[in-house]
Protein backbone atom coordinates (compact mmCIF):
# COMPACT_ATOMS: atom_id res chain seq x y z
CA UNK A 1 3.06 -1.56 18.80
CA UNK A 2 -0.69 -1.57 19.31
CA UNK A 3 -3.16 -1.61 16.42
CA UNK A 4 -3.73 1.85 14.90
CA UNK A 5 -6.74 3.64 16.25
CA UNK A 6 -8.92 6.37 14.82
CA UNK A 7 -6.92 9.55 14.91
CA UNK A 8 -3.78 7.69 13.81
CA UNK A 9 -5.00 7.94 10.20
CA UNK A 10 -7.50 9.86 8.10
CA UNK A 11 -11.13 8.68 8.49
CA UNK A 12 -11.07 7.71 4.79
CA UNK A 13 -8.78 4.77 5.67
CA UNK A 14 -11.02 3.30 8.42
CA UNK A 15 -12.35 0.54 6.16
CA UNK A 16 -8.82 -0.52 5.18
CA UNK A 17 -7.57 -0.54 8.76
CA UNK A 18 -10.63 -2.48 9.97
CA UNK A 19 -10.04 -5.15 7.33
CA UNK A 20 -6.56 -5.98 8.54
CA UNK A 21 -6.04 -8.79 10.95
CA UNK A 22 -3.65 -8.68 13.87
CA UNK A 23 -2.27 -6.01 16.14
CA UNK A 24 1.35 -5.91 15.10
CA UNK A 25 2.16 -4.12 11.84
CA UNK A 26 5.47 -6.02 11.53
CA UNK A 27 3.71 -9.38 11.93
CA UNK A 28 0.96 -8.39 9.48
CA UNK A 29 3.52 -7.30 6.85
CA UNK A 30 5.78 -10.35 7.41
CA UNK A 31 2.87 -12.80 7.00
CA UNK A 32 1.35 -10.91 4.02
CA UNK A 33 4.07 -11.90 1.51
CA UNK A 34 3.05 -15.58 1.18
CA UNK A 35 -0.66 -14.69 1.12
CA UNK A 36 -0.04 -12.07 -1.58
CA UNK A 37 1.96 -14.52 -3.64
CA UNK A 38 -0.75 -17.14 -3.44
CA UNK A 39 -3.48 -14.63 -4.37
CA UNK A 40 -1.47 -13.28 -7.32
CA UNK A 41 -0.79 -16.85 -8.49
CA UNK A 42 -4.55 -17.38 -8.94
CA UNK A 43 -4.92 -14.55 -11.44
CA UNK A 44 -4.67 -15.70 -15.04
CA UNK A 45 -3.30 -13.47 -17.81
CA UNK A 46 -6.60 -13.48 -19.68
CA UNK A 47 -8.34 -11.72 -16.76
CA UNK A 48 -6.08 -8.69 -16.67
CA UNK A 49 -8.34 -6.71 -19.00
CA UNK A 50 -11.49 -7.65 -17.08
CA UNK A 51 -13.65 -4.89 -15.63
CA UNK A 52 -16.97 -5.43 -13.90
CA UNK A 53 -18.64 -2.41 -15.53
CA UNK A 54 -17.88 0.16 -18.28
CA UNK A 55 -15.61 2.94 -17.02
CA UNK A 56 -14.30 0.91 -14.08
CA UNK A 57 -10.67 -0.10 -13.64
CA UNK A 58 -9.41 -3.33 -15.22
CA UNK A 59 -7.83 -5.96 -13.03
CA UNK A 60 -4.42 -4.85 -14.34
CA UNK A 61 -5.18 -1.27 -13.28
CA UNK A 62 -6.21 -2.51 -9.81
CA UNK A 63 -2.88 -4.37 -9.48
CA UNK A 64 -1.00 -1.34 -10.69
CA UNK A 65 -2.88 0.79 -8.13
CA UNK A 66 -1.78 -1.60 -5.36
CA UNK A 67 1.81 -1.09 -6.52
CA UNK A 68 1.51 2.67 -6.75
CA UNK A 69 -0.28 3.01 -3.41
CA UNK A 70 2.20 0.76 -1.55
CA UNK A 71 5.08 2.90 -2.89
CA UNK A 72 3.35 6.11 -1.80
CA UNK A 73 2.49 4.78 1.68
CA UNK A 74 6.01 3.34 2.20
CA UNK A 75 7.52 6.69 1.21
CA UNK A 76 5.21 8.44 3.72
CA UNK A 77 6.11 5.96 6.45
CA UNK A 78 9.85 6.36 5.83
CA UNK A 79 9.60 10.17 5.64
CA UNK A 80 7.63 10.42 8.90
CA UNK A 81 9.80 7.87 10.67
CA UNK A 82 12.87 9.96 9.71
CA UNK A 83 11.23 13.05 11.20
CA UNK A 84 10.02 14.84 8.10
CA UNK A 85 8.26 18.03 9.14
CA UNK A 86 6.93 19.07 5.74
CA UNK A 87 3.42 17.98 4.84
CA UNK A 88 3.50 15.10 2.38
CA UNK A 89 1.35 15.29 -0.74
CA UNK A 90 -1.61 13.10 -1.64
CA UNK A 91 -1.94 11.39 -4.95
CA UNK A 92 -4.78 11.15 -7.44
CA UNK A 93 -5.19 7.40 -7.97
CA UNK A 94 -7.27 7.95 -11.09
CA UNK A 95 -4.67 10.16 -12.70
CA UNK A 96 -1.99 7.58 -11.79
CA UNK A 97 -4.11 4.78 -13.24
CA UNK A 98 -4.57 6.70 -16.48
CA UNK A 99 -0.82 7.42 -16.84
CA UNK A 100 0.44 3.95 -15.78
CA UNK A 101 -0.74 2.13 -18.94
CA UNK A 102 -1.25 -1.06 -16.96
CA UNK A 103 -2.86 -2.64 -20.03
CA UNK A 104 0.64 -3.20 -21.40
CA UNK A 105 1.73 -5.17 -18.37
CA UNK A 106 1.86 -8.94 -18.11
CA UNK A 107 0.68 -10.78 -15.02
CA UNK A 108 4.22 -11.99 -14.45
CA UNK A 109 5.60 -8.47 -14.47
CA UNK A 110 2.90 -7.18 -12.12
CA UNK A 111 3.45 -10.09 -9.73
CA UNK A 112 7.25 -9.68 -9.72
CA UNK A 113 6.99 -5.93 -9.01
CA UNK A 114 4.34 -6.22 -6.34
CA UNK A 115 6.17 -9.01 -4.44
CA UNK A 116 9.49 -7.21 -4.76
CA UNK A 117 7.89 -4.04 -3.50
CA UNK A 118 6.26 -5.89 -0.58
CA UNK A 119 9.72 -7.30 0.30
CA UNK A 120 11.11 -3.75 0.28
CA UNK A 121 8.22 -2.51 2.45
CA UNK A 122 8.78 -5.38 4.89
CA UNK A 123 12.51 -4.57 5.05
CA UNK A 124 11.71 -0.90 5.67
CA UNK A 125 9.29 -1.64 8.52
CA UNK A 126 11.67 -4.20 10.01
CA UNK A 127 14.29 -1.43 10.16
CA UNK A 128 12.06 0.78 12.28
CA UNK A 129 12.32 0.87 16.04
CA UNK A 130 9.19 1.15 18.21
CA UNK A 131 9.73 4.90 18.59
CA UNK A 132 9.76 5.27 14.79
CA UNK A 133 6.36 3.53 14.48
CA UNK A 134 4.80 5.98 16.95
CA UNK A 135 5.97 9.10 15.09
CA UNK A 136 3.33 11.12 13.27
CA UNK A 137 3.28 13.57 10.42
CA UNK A 138 0.95 15.10 7.90
CA UNK A 139 0.10 13.31 4.66
CA UNK A 140 -2.54 14.61 2.25
CA UNK A 141 -3.57 17.17 4.88
CA UNK A 142 -4.22 14.54 7.59
CA UNK A 143 -2.30 13.45 10.66
CA UNK A 144 -0.96 9.87 10.34
CA UNK A 145 1.38 7.70 12.36
CA UNK A 146 4.02 5.42 10.83
CA UNK A 147 2.28 2.45 12.46
CA UNK A 148 -0.97 3.29 10.69
């Protein structure tokens, strides 16, 4: 499957798509697990409450956001791959962050959940056929392909 191109996703996501390496979503996901584990292993418990400025998310909230966003995007990918015709909702990441109470999480619990979730996402995408990856639907009012 070729790399997603503008029009396969909302313009808002251009920066995220541009910062991925590789042309094959399955390869990118399959190689991301080890990299993610190494990166998470470098974060010490004492830094979870760190924020670079007042009113900004803590590191724990950023990690929780990664978990929440991956769940939302995986659900969208599965729904569209299965032919869902209903528009899928967006989500307010700030409202999610406020409700998640990430400050009560440990680094170990965040790491376990994020790596388990990435494994589930990898398994989901490995179950898709090429035709599934090319399907498109509407998420948060924008056209998006499963591949994107």
